[in-house]
Protein backbone atom coordinates (compact mmCIF):
# COMPACT_ATOMS: atom_id res chain seq x y z
CA MET A 1 0.13 -0.06 -0.28
CA THR A 2 1.26 3.64 -0.66
CA GLN A 3 -1.09 5.75 2.01
CA THR A 4 0.85 8.32 2.92
CA HIS A 5 0.47 9.70 6.60
CA ARG A 6 -1.62 12.39 6.55
CA PRO A 7 -4.87 13.36 8.18
CA ILE A 8 -8.07 12.69 6.93
CA ALA A 9 -9.65 16.25 5.18
CA SER A 10 -11.52 14.51 2.46
CA VAL A 11 -13.47 11.07 1.66
CA LEU A 12 -15.78 9.59 -0.65
CA ILE A 13 -18.32 7.21 0.57
CA VAL A 14 -19.49 3.96 -1.47
CA GLU A 15 -22.68 3.07 -0.15
CA ASP A 16 -26.23 2.47 -1.73
CA HIS A 17 -28.30 2.81 1.37
CA PRO A 18 -29.03 6.69 1.13
CA LEU A 19 -29.96 6.83 5.21
CA PHE A 20 -27.11 5.27 5.92
CA SER A 21 -24.93 6.91 3.38
CA ASP A 22 -25.93 10.56 4.99
CA ALA A 23 -25.47 9.37 8.62
CA LEU A 24 -21.95 8.61 8.00
CA SER A 25 -21.55 11.83 6.45
CA ILE A 26 -22.50 13.40 8.98
CA THR A 27 -20.54 11.47 11.74
CA LEU A 28 -17.55 12.04 9.69
CA GLN A 29 -18.02 15.84 9.46
CA ILE A 30 -19.02 15.74 13.37
CA VAL A 31 -15.84 13.62 14.82
CA GLY A 32 -13.59 13.98 12.04
CA GLY A 33 -14.09 17.63 11.43
CA ILE A 34 -13.59 16.01 7.60
CA SER A 35 -14.38 19.15 5.28
CA SER A 36 -15.16 17.57 2.04
CA VAL A 37 -17.39 14.48 2.09
CA ARG A 38 -18.80 13.22 -1.14
CA THR A 39 -21.06 9.94 -1.43
CA THR A 40 -21.47 7.51 -4.13
CA SER A 41 -23.69 4.38 -4.89
CA SER A 42 -21.93 1.87 -6.79
CA ILE A 43 -18.43 0.91 -7.88
CA ALA A 44 -18.62 2.02 -11.35
CA ASP A 45 -19.88 6.13 -10.15
CA CYS A 46 -16.58 5.87 -7.90
CA LEU A 47 -14.22 4.71 -10.27
CA ARG A 48 -15.56 7.88 -12.37
CA GLN A 49 -15.17 10.08 -9.69
CA LEU A 50 -11.77 9.25 -9.10
CA ALA A 51 -10.94 9.05 -12.56
CA VAL A 52 -11.74 13.09 -13.03
CA GLY A 53 -10.72 13.77 -9.40
CA PRO A 54 -10.13 15.12 -6.87
CA GLN A 55 -8.58 12.12 -5.41
CA PRO A 56 -10.08 12.04 -1.97
CA ASP A 57 -7.93 11.06 1.07
CA ALA A 58 -9.61 8.37 2.22
CA VAL A 59 -12.51 6.01 0.41
CA PHE A 60 -15.25 4.37 2.71
CA LEU A 61 -16.69 1.71 0.78
CA ASP A 62 -19.41 -1.05 1.66
CA LEU A 63 -18.19 -4.39 0.14
CA ASN A 64 -22.06 -5.68 -0.78
CA LEU A 65 -22.94 -2.92 -3.29
CA PRO A 66 -24.98 -4.10 -6.66
CA ASP A 67 -22.63 -3.93 -8.74
CA ALA A 68 -19.70 -5.28 -6.91
CA ASP A 69 -18.59 -8.98 -6.97
CA GLY A 70 -17.41 -10.23 -3.64
CA LEU A 71 -13.84 -8.39 -3.14
CA ASP A 72 -13.66 -7.01 -6.81
CA GLY A 73 -14.96 -3.94 -5.86
CA LEU A 74 -12.12 -3.52 -3.16
CA LEU A 75 -9.49 -4.25 -5.68
CA LYS A 76 -10.92 -1.62 -8.26
CA VAL A 77 -11.21 0.82 -5.84
CA ARG A 78 -7.21 0.29 -4.66
CA LYS A 79 -6.16 0.30 -8.02
CA ALA A 80 -8.30 3.32 -8.65
CA ALA A 81 -6.89 5.36 -6.06
CA PRO A 82 -3.20 3.82 -4.37
CA GLN A 83 -2.22 6.81 -2.72
CA ALA A 84 -5.86 6.81 -0.60
CA ALA A 85 -6.37 5.16 2.46
CA LEU A 86 -9.76 2.44 1.96
CA LEU A 87 -11.55 1.56 5.19
CA ILE A 88 -14.24 -0.89 4.64
CA VAL A 89 -17.80 -0.29 6.15
CA SER A 90 -19.73 -3.19 6.51
CA SER A 91 -22.68 -5.51 7.93
CA LEU A 92 -20.27 -8.92 7.18
CA THR A 93 -17.77 -9.11 10.17
CA SER A 94 -16.54 -12.71 9.10
CA PRO A 95 -12.82 -12.92 10.12
CA ALA A 96 -11.82 -14.79 7.00
CA ILE A 97 -13.96 -11.62 5.16
CA VAL A 98 -11.94 -8.69 7.32
CA ASN A 99 -8.67 -11.04 7.13
CA ALA A 100 -9.38 -11.24 3.53
CA ALA A 101 -9.90 -7.20 2.89
CA ILE A 102 -7.05 -6.62 3.98
CA GLU A 103 -4.52 -8.69 2.67
CA PHE A 104 -6.22 -7.33 -0.29
CA GLY A 105 -5.68 -3.14 0.42
CA ALA A 106 -7.49 -2.27 3.31
CA SER A 107 -6.66 0.11 5.19
CA GLY A 108 -9.05 -0.85 8.05
CA TYR A 109 -12.52 -2.26 8.38
CA VAL A 110 -15.56 -1.06 10.93
CA PRO A 111 -18.87 -2.60 11.25
CA LYS A 112 -21.47 -0.83 10.22
CA HIS A 113 -23.65 1.02 12.82
CA SER A 114 -20.30 1.44 15.49
CA GLN A 115 -20.62 3.78 17.61
CA ARG A 116 -19.10 7.21 16.76
CA GLN A 117 -15.98 6.99 18.40
CA VAL A 118 -15.29 3.78 16.57
CA PHE A 119 -15.49 6.03 13.40
CA GLN A 120 -13.30 8.64 14.78
CA GLU A 121 -10.76 6.33 16.11
CA ALA A 122 -10.59 4.64 12.74
CA LEU A 123 -9.93 8.18 11.21
CA ALA A 124 -6.95 8.55 13.37
CA ARG A 125 -5.61 5.61 13.05
CA ILE A 126 -5.80 5.18 9.27
CA GLY A 127 -4.31 8.83 9.01
CA ARG A 128 -0.94 7.85 11.03
CA GLY A 129 -0.82 4.65 7.82
CA GLU A 130 -1.88 2.47 10.92
CA ILE A 131 -4.36 -0.81 10.27
CA TYR A 132 -7.76 -0.17 11.73
CA LEU A 133 -9.51 -3.78 12.98
CA PRO A 134 -12.54 -4.28 15.03
CA ASP A 135 -12.66 -3.92 18.55
CA GLY A 136 -11.54 -7.67 19.85
CA PHE A 137 -10.43 -8.98 15.86
CA VAL A 138 -7.29 -10.78 15.90
CA ALA A 139 -5.50 -10.65 12.84
CA SER A 140 -4.06 -13.74 10.83
CA ASP A 141 -0.46 -13.89 11.33
CA PRO A 142 1.38 -12.19 8.31
CA GLY A 143 2.92 -15.59 7.37
CA ALA A 144 0.08 -17.25 7.17
CA LYS A 145 -2.59 -17.72 4.36
CA PRO A 146 -5.86 -16.16 5.35
CA MET A 147 -8.02 -17.99 3.50
CA ALA A 148 -6.10 -21.56 2.97
CA LEU A 149 -9.19 -22.45 5.51
CA THR A 150 -11.43 -21.43 2.96
CA ARG A 151 -10.42 -22.77 -0.13
CA ASP A 152 -9.87 -26.10 1.75
CA ARG A 153 -14.12 -26.01 2.75
CA LEU A 154 -14.48 -24.80 -0.94
CA GLU A 155 -12.60 -27.91 -2.45
CA SER A 156 -14.77 -30.21 0.11
CA LEU A 157 -17.98 -28.82 -1.96
CA THR A 158 -19.26 -31.63 -4.49
CA ALA A 159 -19.10 -31.04 -8.18
CA GLN A 160 -23.06 -30.21 -7.72
CA GLN A 161 -22.66 -27.48 -4.69
CA SER A 162 -19.79 -25.97 -6.69
CA LYS A 163 -21.74 -25.18 -9.58
CA ILE A 164 -24.49 -24.08 -7.30
CA LEU A 165 -22.39 -21.63 -5.94
CA SER A 166 -20.84 -20.17 -9.20
CA LEU A 167 -24.92 -19.78 -9.83
CA ILE A 168 -25.07 -18.19 -7.27
CA SER A 169 -22.39 -16.09 -7.39
CA GLU A 170 -24.08 -14.81 -10.12
CA GLY A 171 -27.09 -13.36 -8.92
CA LYS A 172 -29.65 -15.84 -10.22
CA LEU A 173 -32.22 -16.98 -7.50
CA ASN A 174 -32.81 -21.09 -6.94
CA LYS A 175 -35.66 -21.01 -9.03
CA GLN A 176 -33.30 -20.02 -11.85
CA ILE A 177 -31.01 -22.38 -10.64
CA ALA A 178 -33.32 -25.25 -10.53
CA HIS A 179 -34.12 -24.58 -13.94
CA ASP A 180 -30.56 -24.19 -15.13
CA LEU A 181 -29.42 -27.43 -13.48
CA ASP A 182 -33.00 -29.15 -14.30
CA ILE A 183 -33.26 -30.25 -11.17
CA ALA A 184 -36.11 -29.55 -8.31
CA GLU A 185 -35.88 -26.48 -6.46
CA SER A 186 -36.35 -28.07 -2.80
CA THR A 187 -33.08 -29.83 -4.47
CA VAL A 188 -31.12 -26.62 -4.96
CA LYS A 189 -32.52 -25.36 -1.28
CA ALA A 190 -30.74 -28.24 0.43
CA HIS A 191 -27.60 -27.72 -1.45
CA VAL A 192 -27.18 -24.52 -0.51
CA THR A 193 -27.97 -25.59 3.35
CA VAL A 194 -25.22 -27.34 2.96
CA ILE A 195 -22.70 -25.13 1.16
CA MET A 196 -23.24 -22.20 3.94
CA ARG A 197 -22.51 -24.56 6.74
CA LYS A 198 -19.41 -26.30 5.18
CA LEU A 199 -18.11 -23.07 4.37
CA GLY A 200 -18.78 -21.84 8.16
CA VAL A 201 -21.16 -18.70 6.76
CA GLN A 202 -24.45 -17.74 7.33
CA ASN A 203 -26.02 -16.29 4.47
CA ARG A 204 -25.92 -16.66 0.39
CA THR A 205 -24.08 -13.05 0.54
CA GLN A 206 -21.39 -14.56 2.82
CA ALA A 207 -20.41 -17.53 0.65
CA VAL A 208 -20.35 -15.40 -2.32
CA LEU A 209 -17.61 -13.29 -0.75
CA ALA A 210 -15.92 -15.94 0.88
CA ALA A 211 -15.75 -18.04 -2.12
CA GLN A 212 -14.22 -14.50 -4.17
CA ALA A 213 -11.84 -14.18 -1.57
CA ALA A 214 -10.34 -17.48 -1.57
CA ARG A 215 -10.30 -16.66 -5.85
CA PHE A 216 -8.19 -13.38 -5.30
CA ASP A 217 -6.31 -15.16 -2.63
CA SER A 218 -5.71 -17.94 -4.94
CA LEU A 219 -4.63 -15.65 -8.25
CA ALA A 220 -2.23 -13.65 -6.17
CA ALA A 221 -0.41 -16.05 -4.72
CA ARG A 222 0.53 -17.51 -8.52
């Protein structure tokens, strides 16, 4: 990461829920004294804004966006704004996802609906060029492969389960997956339940993010 050590004075928020985006904008101005806060609701518009400038000191990014495929949005923003601190603000708090985000260039990770002082501390920390992690979170050993366990779990999926996870990653519903694979929708639901159990996640979004993060980790290791 090439972020310079400097106080954060300008922020670009990438968040598709208007009420949360507005609340976060106000919070940053109050607790962080941020003089410039811009907002956008998609990765595409974020990249357009970064291309024309001015570059913000920090980007606050939600992982669960309509046009973001797992950690793909993070990687695109990291490449478009290499000098900016990149803070993930997400409702997804799985250790695997947090570790993957940090590994692929995030400057920190704040759970959504954190208290104001959490954002204040995160701003100060990333402004010093440090990594901010959720309270109580223990980062993986820098020498370890944080997504190795996820890859092992993915490899435990059957061929049919892997196909279903791939279709879920494309945004398809159970009914559409059943049609594509010519199986009963109840069979798809049963497979989805097993997939989530094998991956150790609570919902479909987390399953997709875990699979996406493992794919990025595999590519980076080549």
